[in-house]
Amino acid sequence: MLNAIHHVALICTDYDRSRRFYVELLGLDLIREVYREERQSWKADLRIGSVQLELFSFPAPVMRPSHPEATGLDIWHLPSRILIP
């Protein structure tokens, strides 16, 4: 039985826009951010509550309809609960 989620990994092509969305709009905490020169890629570790979100960027990610590192899907489903004051 699943009783917790440690982290979710997302791949994006527009890192700045994605980072702003998760940090500035949704309010996730930025834990760590690093540019990985060998991959020409940014990685940000974000947190909301006890769940961590790993945000990866790649300039031209391979389109994969499955596998853990899938990109290019028409629908993303990330269950969440948003409290609106």
PDB file of N, CA and C in Angstrom:
ATOM      1  N   MET A   1       0.840  -1.179   0.000  1.00  0.00           N
ATOM      2  CA  MET A   1       0.000   0.000   0.000  1.00  0.00           C
ATOM      3  C   MET A   1       0.889   1.248   0.000  1.00  0.00           C
ATOM      4  N   LEU A   2       0.582   2.162  -0.862  1.00  0.00           N
ATOM      5  CA  LEU A   2       1.311   3.429  -0.937  1.00  0.00           C
ATOM      6  C   LEU A   2       0.830   4.342   0.185  1.00  0.00           C
ATOM      7  N   ASN A   3       1.777   4.868   0.980  1.00  0.00           N
ATOM      8  CA  ASN A   3       1.355   5.757   2.057  1.00  0.00           C
ATOM      9  C   ASN A   3       2.007   7.134   1.991  1.00  0.00           C
ATOM     10  N   ALA A   4       2.903   7.338   1.002  1.00  0.00           N
ATOM     11  CA  ALA A   4       3.531   8.651   0.852  1.00  0.00           C
ATOM     12  C   ALA A   4       4.213   8.747  -0.508  1.00  0.00           C
ATOM     13  N   ILE A   5       4.441   9.965  -0.937  1.00  0.00           N
ATOM     14  CA  ILE A   5       5.213  10.223  -2.153  1.00  0.00           C
ATOM     15  C   ILE A   5       6.421  11.040  -1.744  1.00  0.00           C
ATOM     16  N   HIS A   6       7.607  10.553  -2.088  1.00  0.00           N
ATOM     17  CA  HIS A   6       8.831  11.275  -1.755  1.00  0.00           C
ATOM     18  C   HIS A   6       9.085  12.398  -2.752  1.00  0.00           C
ATOM     19  N   HIS A   7       9.069  12.062  -4.057  1.00  0.00           N
ATOM     20  CA  HIS A   7       9.288  13.109  -5.052  1.00  0.00           C
ATOM     21  C   HIS A   7       8.657  12.752  -6.386  1.00  0.00           C
ATOM     22  N   VAL A   8       8.469  13.803  -7.185  1.00  0.00           N
ATOM     23  CA  VAL A   8       7.953  13.685  -8.545  1.00  0.00           C
ATOM     24  C   VAL A   8       8.957  14.409  -9.426  1.00  0.00           C
ATOM     25  N   ALA A   9       9.325  13.795 -10.563  1.00  0.00           N
ATOM     26  CA  ALA A   9      10.269  14.420 -11.493  1.00  0.00           C
ATOM     27  C   ALA A   9       9.528  14.869 -12.748  1.00  0.00           C
ATOM     28  N   LEU A  10       9.781  16.112 -13.154  1.00  0.00           N
ATOM     29  CA  LEU A  10       9.182  16.670 -14.362  1.00  0.00           C
ATOM     30  C   LEU A  10      10.279  17.201 -15.275  1.00  0.00           C
ATOM     31  N   ILE A  11      10.111  17.001 -16.570  1.00  0.00           N
ATOM     32  CA  ILE A  11      11.054  17.533 -17.557  1.00  0.00           C
ATOM     33  C   ILE A  11      10.361  18.676 -18.284  1.00  0.00           C
ATOM     34  N   CYS A  12      11.076  19.787 -18.431  1.00  0.00           N
ATOM     35  CA  CYS A  12      10.513  20.935 -19.132  1.00  0.00           C
ATOM     36  C   CYS A  12      11.487  21.408 -20.208  1.00  0.00           C
ATOM     37  N   THR A  13      10.972  22.146 -21.177  1.00  0.00           N
ATOM     38  CA  THR A  13      11.839  22.736 -22.201  1.00  0.00           C
ATOM     39  C   THR A  13      12.063  24.216 -21.954  1.00  0.00           C
ATOM     40  N   ASP A  14      11.175  24.866 -21.190  1.00  0.00           N
ATOM     41  CA  ASP A  14      11.332  26.282 -20.855  1.00  0.00           C
ATOM     42  C   ASP A  14      11.529  26.376 -19.342  1.00  0.00           C
ATOM     43  N   TYR A  15      12.785  26.305 -18.924  1.00  0.00           N
ATOM     44  CA  TYR A  15      13.108  26.232 -17.500  1.00  0.00           C
ATOM     45  C   TYR A  15      12.657  27.477 -16.744  1.00  0.00           C
ATOM     46  N   ASP A  16      12.951  28.659 -17.278  1.00  0.00           N
ATOM     47  CA  ASP A  16      12.598  29.893 -16.565  1.00  0.00           C
ATOM     48  C   ASP A  16      11.095  29.990 -16.330  1.00  0.00           C
ATOM     49  N   ARG A  17      10.324  29.683 -17.355  1.00  0.00           N
ATOM     50  CA  ARG A  17       8.867  29.751 -17.233  1.00  0.00           C
ATOM     51  C   ARG A  17       8.356  28.707 -16.228  1.00  0.00           C
ATOM     52  N   SER A  18       8.884  27.502 -16.306  1.00  0.00           N
ATOM     53  CA  SER A  18       8.461  26.440 -15.389  1.00  0.00           C
ATOM     54  C   SER A  18       8.852  26.761 -13.958  1.00  0.00           C
ATOM     55  N   ARG A  19      10.061  27.276 -13.764  1.00  0.00           N
ATOM     56  CA  ARG A  19      10.522  27.641 -12.417  1.00  0.00           C
ATOM     57  C   ARG A  19       9.628  28.728 -11.822  1.00  0.00           C
ATOM     58  N   ARG A  20       9.325  29.749 -12.619  1.00  0.00           N
ATOM     59  CA  ARG A  20       8.437  30.818 -12.139  1.00  0.00           C
ATOM     60  C   ARG A  20       7.061  30.258 -11.758  1.00  0.00           C
ATOM     61  N   PHE A  21       6.525  29.350 -12.567  1.00  0.00           N
ATOM     62  CA  PHE A  21       5.215  28.767 -12.299  1.00  0.00           C
ATOM     63  C   PHE A  21       5.199  28.064 -10.949  1.00  0.00           C
ATOM     64  N   TYR A  22       6.169  27.188 -10.712  1.00  0.00           N
ATOM     65  CA  TYR A  22       6.161  26.397  -9.484  1.00  0.00           C
ATOM     66  C   TYR A  22       6.582  27.203  -8.255  1.00  0.00           C
ATOM     67  N   VAL A  23       7.527  28.129  -8.413  1.00  0.00           N
ATOM     68  CA  VAL A  23       8.024  28.886  -7.252  1.00  0.00           C
ATOM     69  C   VAL A  23       7.177  30.126  -6.986  1.00  0.00           C
ATOM     70  N   GLU A  24       6.967  30.955  -7.998  1.00  0.00           N
ATOM     71  CA  GLU A  24       6.286  32.235  -7.781  1.00  0.00           C
ATOM     72  C   GLU A  24       4.764  32.112  -7.767  1.00  0.00           C
ATOM     73  N   LEU A  25       4.214  31.286  -8.653  1.00  0.00           N
ATOM     74  CA  LEU A  25       2.757  31.185  -8.716  1.00  0.00           C
ATOM     75  C   LEU A  25       2.198  30.181  -7.707  1.00  0.00           C
ATOM     76  N   LEU A  26       2.766  28.969  -7.669  1.00  0.00           N
ATOM     77  CA  LEU A  26       2.255  27.947  -6.761  1.00  0.00           C
ATOM     78  C   LEU A  26       2.884  28.000  -5.371  1.00  0.00           C
ATOM     79  N   GLY A  27       4.030  28.677  -5.232  1.00  0.00           N
ATOM     80  CA  GLY A  27       4.628  28.878  -3.911  1.00  0.00           C
ATOM     81  C   GLY A  27       5.471  27.739  -3.372  1.00  0.00           C
ATOM     82  N   LEU A  28       5.995  26.867  -4.241  1.00  0.00           N
ATOM     83  CA  LEU A  28       6.882  25.808  -3.766  1.00  0.00           C
ATOM     84  C   LEU A  28       8.205  26.418  -3.312  1.00  0.00           C
ATOM     85  N   ASP A  29       8.837  25.809  -2.324  1.00  0.00           N
ATOM     86  CA  ASP A  29      10.134  26.270  -1.828  1.00  0.00           C
ATOM     87  C   ASP A  29      11.239  25.746  -2.733  1.00  0.00           C
ATOM     88  N   LEU A  30      12.183  26.615  -3.088  1.00  0.00           N
ATOM     89  CA  LEU A  30      13.353  26.220  -3.859  1.00  0.00           C
ATOM     90  C   LEU A  30      14.410  25.723  -2.885  1.00  0.00           C
ATOM     91  N   ILE A  31      14.713  24.424  -2.961  1.00  0.00           N
ATOM     92  CA  ILE A  31      15.694  23.816  -2.065  1.00  0.00           C
ATOM     93  C   ILE A  31      17.098  23.968  -2.627  1.00  0.00           C
ATOM     94  N   ARG A  32      17.238  23.657  -3.919  1.00  0.00           N
ATOM     95  CA  ARG A  32      18.553  23.698  -4.566  1.00  0.00           C
ATOM     96  C   ARG A  32      18.337  23.858  -6.058  1.00  0.00           C
ATOM     97  N   GLU A  33      19.285  24.560  -6.680  1.00  0.00           N
ATOM     98  CA  GLU A  33      19.235  24.772  -8.122  1.00  0.00           C
ATOM     99  C   GLU A  33      20.660  24.666  -8.656  1.00  0.00           C
ATOM    100  N   VAL A  34      20.821  23.892  -9.729  1.00  0.00           N
ATOM    101  CA  VAL A  34      22.164  23.688 -10.265  1.00  0.00           C
ATOM    102  C   VAL A  34      22.098  23.590 -11.783  1.00  0.00           C
ATOM    103  N   TYR A  35      23.099  24.185 -12.443  1.00  0.00           N
ATOM    104  CA  TYR A  35      23.227  24.040 -13.895  1.00  0.00           C
ATOM    105  C   TYR A  35      24.213  22.921 -14.162  1.00  0.00           C
ATOM    106  N   ARG A  36      23.786  21.927 -14.929  1.00  0.00           N
ATOM    107  CA  ARG A  36      24.624  20.773 -15.237  1.00  0.00           C
ATOM    108  C   ARG A  36      25.225  20.971 -16.629  1.00  0.00           C
ATOM    109  N   GLU A  37      26.430  21.509 -16.660  1.00  0.00           N
ATOM    110  CA  GLU A  37      27.098  21.886 -17.904  1.00  0.00           C
ATOM    111  C   GLU A  37      27.182  20.727 -18.897  1.00  0.00           C
ATOM    112  N   GLU A  38      27.523  19.538 -18.400  1.00  0.00           N
ATOM    113  CA  GLU A  38      27.699  18.389 -19.297  1.00  0.00           C
ATOM    114  C   GLU A  38      26.412  18.009 -20.023  1.00  0.00           C
ATOM    115  N   ARG A  39      25.263  18.399 -19.478  1.00  0.00           N
ATOM    116  CA  ARG A  39      23.967  18.091 -20.104  1.00  0.00           C
ATOM    117  C   ARG A  39      23.283  19.323 -20.675  1.00  0.00           C
ATOM    118  N   GLN A  40      23.926  20.494 -20.495  1.00  0.00           N
ATOM    119  CA  GLN A  40      23.301  21.752 -20.914  1.00  0.00           C
ATOM    120  C   GLN A  40      21.898  21.845 -20.302  1.00  0.00           C
ATOM    121  N   SER A  41      21.833  21.573 -18.992  1.00  0.00           N
ATOM    122  CA  SER A  41      20.548  21.370 -18.350  1.00  0.00           C
ATOM    123  C   SER A  41      20.514  21.964 -16.942  1.00  0.00           C
ATOM    124  N   TRP A  42      19.376  22.556 -16.604  1.00  0.00           N
ATOM    125  CA  TRP A  42      19.117  23.010 -15.244  1.00  0.00           C
ATOM    126  C   TRP A  42      18.379  21.925 -14.477  1.00  0.00           C
ATOM    127  N   LYS A  43      18.604  21.875 -13.170  1.00  0.00           N
ATOM    128  CA  LYS A  43      17.840  21.002 -12.279  1.00  0.00           C
ATOM    129  C   LYS A  43      17.519  21.797 -11.021  1.00  0.00           C
ATOM    130  N   ALA A  44      16.249  21.807 -10.671  1.00  0.00           N
ATOM    131  CA  ALA A  44      15.816  22.476  -9.445  1.00  0.00           C
ATOM    132  C   ALA A  44      15.117  21.461  -8.565  1.00  0.00           C
ATOM    133  N   ASP A  45      15.432  21.499  -7.285  1.00  0.00           N
ATOM    134  CA  ASP A  45      14.732  20.701  -6.293  1.00  0.00           C
ATOM    135  C   ASP A  45      13.799  21.639  -5.552  1.00  0.00           C
ATOM    136  N   LEU A  46      12.506  21.348  -5.638  1.00  0.00           N
ATOM    137  CA  LEU A  46      11.481  22.166  -5.025  1.00  0.00           C
ATOM    138  C   LEU A  46      10.755  21.331  -3.975  1.00  0.00           C
ATOM    139  N   ARG A  47      10.091  22.004  -3.036  1.00  0.00           N
ATOM    140  CA  ARG A  47       9.374  21.259  -2.000  1.00  0.00           C
ATOM    141  C   ARG A  47       8.042  21.932  -1.700  1.00  0.00           C
ATOM    142  N   ILE A  48       7.053  21.080  -1.488  1.00  0.00           N
ATOM    143  CA  ILE A  48       5.771  21.521  -0.959  1.00  0.00           C
ATOM    144  C   ILE A  48       5.372  20.495   0.100  1.00  0.00           C
ATOM    145  N   GLY A  49       5.286  20.936   1.321  1.00  0.00           N
ATOM    146  CA  GLY A  49       5.030  20.009   2.419  1.00  0.00           C
ATOM    147  C   GLY A  49       6.163  19.006   2.520  1.00  0.00           C
ATOM    148  N   SER A  50       5.826  17.737   2.505  1.00  0.00           N
ATOM    149  CA  SER A  50       6.854  16.704   2.600  1.00  0.00           C
ATOM    150  C   SER A  50       7.214  16.107   1.242  1.00  0.00           C
ATOM    151  N   VAL A  51       6.651  16.654   0.170  1.00  0.00           N
ATOM    152  CA  VAL A  51       6.898  16.128  -1.173  1.00  0.00           C
ATOM    153  C   VAL A  51       7.868  17.031  -1.917  1.00  0.00           C
ATOM    154  N   GLN A  52       8.804  16.394  -2.595  1.00  0.00           N
ATOM    155  CA  GLN A  52       9.800  17.122  -3.374  1.00  0.00           C
ATOM    156  C   GLN A  52       9.481  16.991  -4.862  1.00  0.00           C
ATOM    157  N   LEU A  53       9.658  18.075  -5.594  1.00  0.00           N
ATOM    158  CA  LEU A  53       9.485  18.088  -7.041  1.00  0.00           C
ATOM    159  C   LEU A  53      10.852  18.347  -7.655  1.00  0.00           C
ATOM    160  N   GLU A  54      11.289  17.457  -8.543  1.00  0.00           N
ATOM    161  CA  GLU A  54      12.544  17.649  -9.269  1.00  0.00           C
ATOM    162  C   GLU A  54      12.195  18.172 -10.651  1.00  0.00           C
ATOM    163  N   LEU A  55      12.639  19.386 -10.941  1.00  0.00           N
ATOM    164  CA  LEU A  55      12.356  20.021 -12.224  1.00  0.00           C
ATOM    165  C   LEU A  55      13.618  19.975 -13.071  1.00  0.00           C
ATOM    166  N   PHE A  56      13.558  19.278 -14.188  1.00  0.00           N
ATOM    167  CA  PHE A  56      14.697  19.140 -15.099  1.00  0.00           C
ATOM    168  C   PHE A  56      14.413  19.918 -16.373  1.00  0.00           C
ATOM    169  N   SER A  57      15.442  20.491 -16.954  1.00  0.00           N
ATOM    170  CA  SER A  57      15.297  21.119 -18.260  1.00  0.00           C
ATOM    171  C   SER A  57      16.305  20.513 -19.221  1.00  0.00           C
ATOM    172  N   PHE A  58      15.884  20.385 -20.448  1.00  0.00           N
ATOM    173  CA  PHE A  58      16.773  19.942 -21.513  1.00  0.00           C
ATOM    174  C   PHE A  58      16.442  20.784 -22.738  1.00  0.00           C
ATOM    175  N   PRO A  59      17.449  21.225 -23.484  1.00  0.00           N
ATOM    176  CA  PRO A  59      17.174  22.083 -24.634  1.00  0.00           C
ATOM    177  C   PRO A  59      16.338  21.383 -25.708  1.00  0.00           C
ATOM    178  N   ALA A  60      16.514  20.089 -25.883  1.00  0.00           N
ATOM    179  CA  ALA A  60      15.750  19.335 -26.878  1.00  0.00           C
ATOM    180  C   ALA A  60      15.515  17.924 -26.350  1.00  0.00           C
ATOM    181  N   PRO A  61      14.588  17.773 -25.403  1.00  0.00           N
ATOM    182  CA  PRO A  61      14.379  16.438 -24.832  1.00  0.00           C
ATOM    183  C   PRO A  61      13.834  15.465 -25.866  1.00  0.00           C
ATOM    184  N   VAL A  62      14.230  14.235 -25.735  1.00  0.00           N
ATOM    185  CA  VAL A  62      13.728  13.178 -26.602  1.00  0.00           C
ATOM    186  C   VAL A  62      12.260  12.954 -26.265  1.00  0.00           C
ATOM    187  N   MET A  63      11.415  12.906 -27.282  1.00  0.00           N
ATOM    188  CA  MET A  63      10.000  12.683 -27.052  1.00  0.00           C
ATOM    189  C   MET A  63       9.778  11.218 -26.713  1.00  0.00           C
ATOM    190  N   ARG A  64       9.280  10.956 -25.521  1.00  0.00           N
ATOM    191  CA  ARG A  64       9.038   9.588 -25.054  1.00  0.00           C
ATOM    192  C   ARG A  64       7.630   9.522 -24.495  1.00  0.00           C
ATOM    193  N   PRO A  65       6.792   8.674 -25.041  1.00  0.00           N
ATOM    194  CA  PRO A  65       5.424   8.585 -24.524  1.00  0.00           C
ATOM    195  C   PRO A  65       5.301   7.760 -23.247  1.00  0.00           C
ATOM    196  N   SER A  66       6.387   7.116 -22.826  1.00  0.00           N
ATOM    197  CA  SER A  66       6.355   6.331 -21.602  1.00  0.00           C
ATOM    198  C   SER A  66       7.725   6.405 -20.949  1.00  0.00           C
ATOM    199  N   HIS A  67       7.993   5.586 -19.983  1.00  0.00           N
ATOM    200  CA  HIS A  67       9.214   5.562 -19.184  1.00  0.00           C
ATOM    201  C   HIS A  67       9.153   6.647 -18.114  1.00  0.00           C
ATOM    202  N   PRO A  68       9.945   6.539 -17.072  1.00  0.00           N
ATOM    203  CA  PRO A  68       9.892   7.544 -15.993  1.00  0.00           C
ATOM    204  C   PRO A  68      10.232   8.950 -16.455  1.00  0.00           C
ATOM    205  N   GLU A  69      11.022   9.089 -17.499  1.00  0.00           N
ATOM    206  CA  GLU A  69      11.422  10.424 -17.944  1.00  0.00           C
ATOM    207  C   GLU A  69      10.617  10.894 -19.152  1.00  0.00           C
ATOM    208  N   ALA A  70       9.357  10.495 -19.240  1.00  0.00           N
ATOM    209  CA  ALA A  70       8.533  10.808 -20.403  1.00  0.00           C
ATOM    210  C   ALA A  70       8.354  12.307 -20.604  1.00  0.00           C
ATOM    211  N   THR A  71       8.379  12.716 -21.858  1.00  0.00           N
ATOM    212  CA  THR A  71       8.032  14.083 -22.240  1.00  0.00           C
ATOM    213  C   THR A  71       7.152  14.008 -23.462  1.00  0.00           C
ATOM    214  N   GLY A  72       6.538  15.111 -23.795  1.00  0.00           N
ATOM    215  CA  GLY A  72       5.749  15.168 -25.004  1.00  0.00           C
ATOM    216  C   GLY A  72       4.349  14.600 -24.878  1.00  0.00           C
ATOM    217  N   LEU A  73       3.903  14.327 -23.676  1.00  0.00           N
ATOM    218  CA  LEU A  73       2.554  13.812 -23.502  1.00  0.00           C
ATOM    219  C   LEU A  73       1.555  14.950 -23.647  1.00  0.00           C
ATOM    220  N   ASP A  74       0.404  14.651 -24.194  1.00  0.00           N
ATOM    221  CA  ASP A  74      -0.630  15.672 -24.369  1.00  0.00           C
ATOM    222  C   ASP A  74      -1.305  16.012 -23.056  1.00  0.00           C
ATOM    223  N   ILE A  75      -1.322  15.074 -22.122  1.00  0.00           N
ATOM    224  CA  ILE A  75      -2.010  15.289 -20.851  1.00  0.00           C
ATOM    225  C   ILE A  75      -1.065  14.966 -19.703  1.00  0.00           C
ATOM    226  N   TRP A  76      -0.931  15.886 -18.774  1.00  0.00           N
ATOM    227  CA  TRP A  76      -0.178  15.638 -17.534  1.00  0.00           C
ATOM    228  C   TRP A  76      -1.168  15.652 -16.412  1.00  0.00           C
ATOM    229  N   HIS A  77      -1.072  14.693 -15.542  1.00  0.00           N
ATOM    230  CA  HIS A  77      -1.968  14.639 -14.394  1.00  0.00           C
ATOM    231  C   HIS A  77      -1.117  14.584 -13.138  1.00  0.00           C
ATOM    232  N   LEU A  78      -1.176  15.619 -12.356  1.00  0.00           N
ATOM    233  CA  LEU A  78      -0.450  15.672 -11.090  1.00  0.00           C
ATOM    234  C   LEU A  78      -1.487  15.986 -10.011  1.00  0.00           C
ATOM    235  N   PRO A  79      -1.979  14.953  -9.339  1.00  0.00           N
ATOM    236  CA  PRO A  79      -2.998  15.196  -8.320  1.00  0.00           C
ATOM    237  C   PRO A  79      -2.477  16.163  -7.254  1.00  0.00           C
ATOM    238  N   SER A  80      -3.303  17.084  -6.868  1.00  0.00           N
ATOM    239  CA  SER A  80      -2.882  18.074  -5.878  1.00  0.00           C
ATOM    240  C   SER A  80      -4.096  18.584  -5.118  1.00  0.00           C
ATOM    241  N   ARG A  81      -3.789  19.298  -4.066  1.00  0.00           N
ATOM    242  CA  ARG A  81      -4.835  19.957  -3.286  1.00  0.00           C
ATOM    243  C   ARG A  81      -4.376  21.399  -3.112  1.00  0.00           C
ATOM    244  N   ILE A  82      -5.163  22.328  -3.569  1.00  0.00           N
ATOM    245  CA  ILE A  82      -4.825  23.745  -3.485  1.00  0.00           C
ATOM    246  C   ILE A  82      -5.798  24.419  -2.526  1.00  0.00           C
ATOM    247  N   LEU A  83      -5.238  25.088  -1.540  1.00  0.00           N
ATOM    248  CA  LEU A  83      -6.059  25.835  -0.593  1.00  0.00           C
ATOM    249  C   LEU A  83      -6.070  27.293  -1.016  1.00  0.00           C
ATOM    250  N   ILE A  84      -7.243  27.818  -1.271  1.00  0.00           N
ATOM    251  CA  ILE A  84      -7.362  29.200  -1.698  1.00  0.00           C
ATOM    252  C   ILE A  84      -7.902  30.006  -0.520  1.00  0.00           C
ATOM    253  N   PRO A  85      -7.089  30.998  -0.074  1.00  0.00           N
ATOM    254  CA  PRO A  85      -7.517  31.783   1.090  1.00  0.00           C
ATOM    255  C   PRO A  85      -8.716  32.659   0.789  1.00  0.00           C
TER     256      PRO A  85
END
